[in-house]
N, C-alpha and C. Protein backbone atom coordinates (compact mmCIF):
# COMPACT_ATOMS: atom_id res chain seq x y z
N UNK A 1 40.17 3.29 16.34
CA UNK A 1 39.80 2.11 15.42
C UNK A 1 39.56 0.89 16.30
N UNK A 2 40.27 0.66 17.24
CA UNK A 2 40.04 -0.57 18.08
C UNK A 2 38.70 -0.49 18.81
N UNK A 3 38.24 0.67 19.10
CA UNK A 3 36.99 0.70 19.81
C UNK A 3 35.90 0.34 18.85
N UNK A 4 35.94 0.90 17.58
CA UNK A 4 35.00 0.57 16.60
C UNK A 4 35.05 -1.02 16.24
N UNK A 5 36.25 -1.52 16.17
CA UNK A 5 36.41 -2.94 15.93
C UNK A 5 35.83 -3.76 17.02
N UNK A 6 36.04 -3.39 18.30
CA UNK A 6 35.54 -4.06 19.39
C UNK A 6 33.97 -4.05 19.40
N UNK A 7 33.42 -2.90 19.00
CA UNK A 7 31.92 -2.84 18.97
C UNK A 7 31.35 -3.66 17.88
N UNK A 8 31.99 -3.60 16.71
CA UNK A 8 31.42 -4.34 15.57
C UNK A 8 31.57 -5.81 15.79
N UNK A 9 32.62 -6.28 16.33
CA UNK A 9 32.89 -7.72 16.55
C UNK A 9 32.35 -8.08 17.91
N UNK A 10 31.89 -7.11 18.71
CA UNK A 10 31.36 -7.46 19.93
C UNK A 10 32.19 -8.28 20.86
N UNK A 11 33.19 -7.74 21.31
CA UNK A 11 34.15 -8.37 22.26
C UNK A 11 33.85 -8.01 23.71
N UNK A 12 32.63 -7.57 24.05
CA UNK A 12 32.28 -7.17 25.41
C UNK A 12 31.56 -8.38 26.04
N UNK A 13 31.78 -8.72 27.28
CA UNK A 13 31.02 -9.66 28.00
C UNK A 13 29.75 -9.12 28.64
N UNK A 14 28.89 -9.97 29.18
CA UNK A 14 27.54 -9.50 29.77
C UNK A 14 27.79 -8.61 30.93
N UNK A 15 28.85 -8.79 31.66
CA UNK A 15 28.97 -8.04 33.01
C UNK A 15 29.51 -6.61 32.73
N UNK A 16 29.82 -6.14 31.47
CA UNK A 16 30.38 -4.80 31.29
C UNK A 16 29.26 -3.82 31.13
N UNK A 17 29.56 -2.55 31.50
CA UNK A 17 28.63 -1.44 31.36
C UNK A 17 28.12 -1.14 29.91
N UNK A 18 29.18 -1.42 28.99
CA UNK A 18 28.78 -1.21 27.53
C UNK A 18 27.74 -2.16 27.18
N UNK A 19 27.83 -3.36 27.49
CA UNK A 19 26.74 -4.29 27.23
C UNK A 19 25.34 -3.89 27.70
N UNK A 20 25.36 -3.46 28.95
CA UNK A 20 24.18 -3.11 29.66
C UNK A 20 23.56 -1.89 29.01
N UNK A 21 24.46 -0.87 28.61
CA UNK A 21 23.87 0.32 27.99
C UNK A 21 23.39 -0.02 26.52
N UNK A 22 24.15 -0.84 25.88
CA UNK A 22 23.59 -1.25 24.53
C UNK A 22 22.26 -1.94 24.56
N UNK A 23 22.06 -2.74 25.57
CA UNK A 23 20.77 -3.47 25.73
C UNK A 23 19.70 -2.41 26.10
N UNK A 24 19.98 -1.51 26.90
CA UNK A 24 18.98 -0.33 27.24
C UNK A 24 18.63 0.52 26.05
N UNK A 25 19.66 0.72 25.08
CA UNK A 25 19.38 1.45 23.94
C UNK A 25 18.36 0.63 23.00
N UNK A 26 18.61 -0.50 23.00
CA UNK A 26 17.70 -1.42 22.11
C UNK A 26 16.26 -1.40 22.65
N UNK A 27 16.07 -1.57 24.06
CA UNK A 27 14.85 -1.60 24.62
C UNK A 27 14.20 -0.16 24.46
N UNK A 28 14.96 0.90 24.67
CA UNK A 28 14.44 2.22 24.49
C UNK A 28 13.90 2.43 23.07
N UNK A 29 14.61 1.86 22.05
CA UNK A 29 14.17 2.07 20.63
C UNK A 29 12.93 1.36 20.46
N UNK A 30 12.77 0.15 20.98
CA UNK A 30 11.56 -0.60 20.85
C UNK A 30 10.27 0.11 21.33
N UNK A 31 10.42 0.59 22.64
CA UNK A 31 9.34 1.17 23.33
C UNK A 31 9.05 2.66 23.07
N UNK A 32 10.09 3.37 22.58
CA UNK A 32 9.92 4.83 22.35
C UNK A 32 9.78 5.26 20.85
N UNK A 33 9.97 4.25 19.95
CA UNK A 33 9.83 4.61 18.49
C UNK A 33 8.34 4.90 18.20
N UNK A 34 8.18 6.00 17.59
CA UNK A 34 6.69 6.45 17.14
C UNK A 34 5.96 5.51 16.26
N UNK A 35 4.81 5.05 16.43
CA UNK A 35 4.09 4.09 15.59
C UNK A 35 4.09 4.60 14.15
N UNK A 36 3.94 5.91 13.95
CA UNK A 36 3.78 6.42 12.55
C UNK A 36 4.93 6.07 11.67
N UNK A 37 6.15 5.82 12.32
CA UNK A 37 7.32 5.43 11.51
C UNK A 37 7.06 4.14 10.70
N UNK A 38 6.22 3.36 11.16
CA UNK A 38 6.06 1.96 10.62
C UNK A 38 4.67 1.88 9.93
N UNK A 39 3.83 2.95 9.93
CA UNK A 39 2.53 2.89 9.29
C UNK A 39 2.72 3.05 7.87
N UNK A 40 2.09 2.28 6.98
CA UNK A 40 2.05 2.48 5.55
C UNK A 40 0.71 2.83 5.12
N UNK A 41 0.57 4.08 4.72
CA UNK A 41 -0.67 4.66 4.37
C UNK A 41 -0.97 4.61 2.90
N UNK A 42 0.03 4.36 2.12
CA UNK A 42 -0.07 4.31 0.62
C UNK A 42 -0.61 3.03 0.22
N UNK A 43 -1.61 3.01 -0.69
CA UNK A 43 -2.24 1.76 -1.14
C UNK A 43 -1.25 0.92 -1.99
N UNK A 44 -1.22 -0.32 -1.80
CA UNK A 44 -0.35 -1.21 -2.55
C UNK A 44 -0.86 -1.27 -3.98
N UNK A 45 0.11 -1.26 -4.94
CA UNK A 45 -0.28 -1.31 -6.33
C UNK A 45 -1.18 -2.43 -6.71
N UNK A 46 -1.13 -3.60 -6.02
CA UNK A 46 -1.84 -4.80 -6.40
C UNK A 46 -3.25 -4.70 -5.90
N UNK A 47 -3.64 -3.69 -5.12
CA UNK A 47 -5.01 -3.63 -4.52
C UNK A 47 -5.97 -2.89 -5.44
N UNK A 48 -6.24 -3.45 -6.58
CA UNK A 48 -7.06 -2.89 -7.61
C UNK A 48 -8.37 -3.80 -7.65
N UNK A 49 -9.37 -3.27 -8.10
CA UNK A 49 -10.62 -3.89 -8.30
C UNK A 49 -11.05 -3.77 -9.77
N UNK A 50 -11.89 -4.70 -10.23
CA UNK A 50 -12.37 -4.54 -11.64
C UNK A 50 -13.87 -4.57 -11.59
N UNK A 51 -14.40 -3.58 -12.26
CA UNK A 51 -15.89 -3.51 -12.43
C UNK A 51 -16.18 -3.92 -13.87
N UNK A 52 -17.27 -4.67 -13.96
CA UNK A 52 -17.77 -4.93 -15.35
C UNK A 52 -19.06 -4.18 -15.44
N UNK A 53 -19.10 -3.26 -16.45
CA UNK A 53 -20.06 -2.34 -16.69
C UNK A 53 -20.79 -2.54 -18.04
N UNK A 54 -22.06 -2.56 -18.08
CA UNK A 54 -22.73 -2.67 -19.44
C UNK A 54 -22.58 -1.37 -20.26
N UNK A 55 -22.85 -1.48 -21.52
CA UNK A 55 -22.61 -0.44 -22.39
C UNK A 55 -23.48 0.81 -22.02
N UNK A 56 -24.72 0.56 -21.52
CA UNK A 56 -25.56 1.72 -21.12
C UNK A 56 -25.06 2.48 -19.98
N UNK A 57 -24.36 1.90 -19.18
CA UNK A 57 -23.70 2.51 -17.92
C UNK A 57 -22.34 3.16 -18.22
N UNK A 58 -21.68 2.91 -19.36
CA UNK A 58 -20.47 3.40 -19.66
C UNK A 58 -20.62 4.86 -20.39
N UNK A 59 -19.69 5.71 -20.06
CA UNK A 59 -19.61 7.07 -20.75
C UNK A 59 -18.24 7.41 -21.06
N UNK A 60 -18.06 7.86 -22.25
CA UNK A 60 -16.69 8.24 -22.83
C UNK A 60 -16.11 9.49 -21.97
N UNK A 61 -17.06 10.27 -21.37
CA UNK A 61 -16.65 11.43 -20.64
C UNK A 61 -16.11 10.89 -19.29
N UNK A 62 -14.85 11.24 -18.99
CA UNK A 62 -14.13 10.73 -17.85
C UNK A 62 -14.79 11.12 -16.52
N UNK A 63 -15.19 12.29 -16.46
CA UNK A 63 -15.96 12.84 -15.17
C UNK A 63 -17.18 12.18 -14.90
N UNK A 64 -17.89 11.98 -15.97
CA UNK A 64 -19.27 11.30 -15.76
C UNK A 64 -19.06 9.80 -15.39
N UNK A 65 -18.08 9.17 -16.05
CA UNK A 65 -17.77 7.68 -15.86
C UNK A 65 -17.19 7.62 -14.35
N UNK A 66 -16.41 8.48 -13.93
CA UNK A 66 -15.86 8.41 -12.59
C UNK A 66 -16.99 8.53 -11.53
N UNK A 67 -17.90 9.37 -11.77
CA UNK A 67 -19.11 9.57 -10.95
C UNK A 67 -19.86 8.34 -10.82
N UNK A 68 -20.10 7.73 -12.02
CA UNK A 68 -20.80 6.52 -12.14
C UNK A 68 -20.10 5.31 -11.44
N UNK A 69 -18.89 5.19 -11.60
CA UNK A 69 -18.20 4.15 -10.96
C UNK A 69 -18.15 4.28 -9.49
N UNK A 70 -18.07 5.55 -8.97
CA UNK A 70 -18.23 5.64 -7.49
C UNK A 70 -19.53 5.27 -6.97
N UNK A 71 -20.62 5.45 -7.79
CA UNK A 71 -21.91 5.01 -7.40
C UNK A 71 -22.06 3.55 -7.41
N UNK A 72 -21.62 2.88 -8.43
CA UNK A 72 -21.67 1.50 -8.60
C UNK A 72 -20.92 0.76 -7.57
N UNK A 73 -19.68 1.14 -7.43
CA UNK A 73 -18.74 0.48 -6.35
C UNK A 73 -18.99 0.74 -4.97
N UNK A 74 -19.70 1.93 -4.70
CA UNK A 74 -19.97 2.35 -3.34
C UNK A 74 -18.78 2.87 -2.59
N UNK A 75 -17.68 3.20 -3.37
CA UNK A 75 -16.40 3.79 -2.85
C UNK A 75 -16.33 5.13 -3.25
N UNK A 76 -16.44 6.20 -2.42
CA UNK A 76 -16.45 7.47 -2.92
C UNK A 76 -14.97 8.01 -3.15
N UNK A 77 -13.98 7.13 -2.88
CA UNK A 77 -12.54 7.50 -3.13
C UNK A 77 -12.03 6.70 -4.36
N UNK A 78 -12.85 6.04 -5.09
CA UNK A 78 -12.52 5.22 -6.26
C UNK A 78 -11.83 6.13 -7.38
N UNK A 79 -10.78 5.52 -7.94
CA UNK A 79 -10.11 6.29 -8.97
C UNK A 79 -9.87 5.25 -10.18
N UNK A 80 -10.19 5.65 -11.32
CA UNK A 80 -10.29 4.87 -12.56
C UNK A 80 -8.78 4.78 -13.06
N UNK A 81 -8.35 3.53 -13.13
CA UNK A 81 -6.96 3.28 -13.64
C UNK A 81 -6.90 3.02 -15.13
N UNK A 82 -7.87 2.13 -15.58
CA UNK A 82 -7.84 1.73 -16.95
C UNK A 82 -9.31 1.27 -17.28
N UNK A 83 -9.59 1.40 -18.70
CA UNK A 83 -10.86 0.80 -19.18
C UNK A 83 -10.63 0.02 -20.46
N UNK A 84 -11.39 -1.06 -20.61
CA UNK A 84 -11.24 -1.86 -21.77
C UNK A 84 -12.55 -2.29 -22.29
N UNK A 85 -12.68 -2.21 -23.66
CA UNK A 85 -14.02 -2.63 -24.19
C UNK A 85 -13.94 -4.03 -24.54
N UNK A 86 -14.90 -4.81 -24.17
CA UNK A 86 -14.95 -6.27 -24.52
C UNK A 86 -16.34 -6.62 -25.09
N UNK A 87 -16.36 -7.76 -25.86
CA UNK A 87 -17.56 -8.21 -26.41
C UNK A 87 -17.82 -9.72 -26.01
N UNK A 88 -19.08 -10.01 -25.77
CA UNK A 88 -19.46 -11.40 -25.46
C UNK A 88 -19.54 -12.17 -26.76
N UNK A 89 -19.78 -13.51 -26.63
CA UNK A 89 -19.84 -14.30 -27.81
C UNK A 89 -21.09 -14.03 -28.68
N UNK A 90 -22.09 -13.39 -27.98
CA UNK A 90 -23.29 -13.08 -28.63
C UNK A 90 -23.23 -11.64 -29.24
N UNK A 91 -22.08 -10.88 -29.03
CA UNK A 91 -21.91 -9.59 -29.65
C UNK A 91 -22.30 -8.48 -28.82
N UNK A 92 -22.64 -8.73 -27.56
CA UNK A 92 -22.99 -7.55 -26.64
C UNK A 92 -21.64 -6.92 -26.16
N UNK A 93 -21.72 -5.52 -26.01
CA UNK A 93 -20.55 -4.87 -25.64
C UNK A 93 -20.60 -4.64 -24.10
N UNK A 94 -19.48 -4.91 -23.50
CA UNK A 94 -19.45 -4.37 -22.00
C UNK A 94 -17.95 -3.83 -21.73
N UNK A 95 -17.81 -3.24 -20.71
CA UNK A 95 -16.51 -2.60 -20.40
C UNK A 95 -15.97 -3.05 -19.09
N UNK A 96 -14.63 -3.33 -19.04
CA UNK A 96 -14.02 -3.69 -17.80
C UNK A 96 -13.23 -2.37 -17.35
N UNK A 97 -13.47 -1.96 -16.11
CA UNK A 97 -12.90 -0.86 -15.49
C UNK A 97 -12.08 -1.17 -14.29
N UNK A 98 -10.77 -0.86 -14.35
CA UNK A 98 -9.94 -1.08 -13.17
C UNK A 98 -10.04 0.14 -12.30
N UNK A 99 -10.21 -0.11 -11.08
CA UNK A 99 -10.28 1.01 -10.10
C UNK A 99 -9.30 0.76 -8.94
N UNK A 100 -9.00 1.79 -8.20
CA UNK A 100 -8.13 1.69 -7.00
C UNK A 100 -8.88 2.50 -6.06
């Protein structure tokens, strides 16, 4: 228990071998850790885009709409998250499409 207590409270001076070994372990961790441990490949939930689509470009069929959205956005990996129907002041209908 005293060894653990000494380690946690760090009662070792710089001249001891324990201090040198601990510093070497830290340096080894920094330089030998694989980069993939820190890579984040998942898209962040806030990285969404919104497309405004005219009624003529909208389709209730999800597969057709998804194909059209990929063409319009230029992103072959686009995924539709949500669609909303909106109307302008003059009564024209358009759709807001959230994509990721």
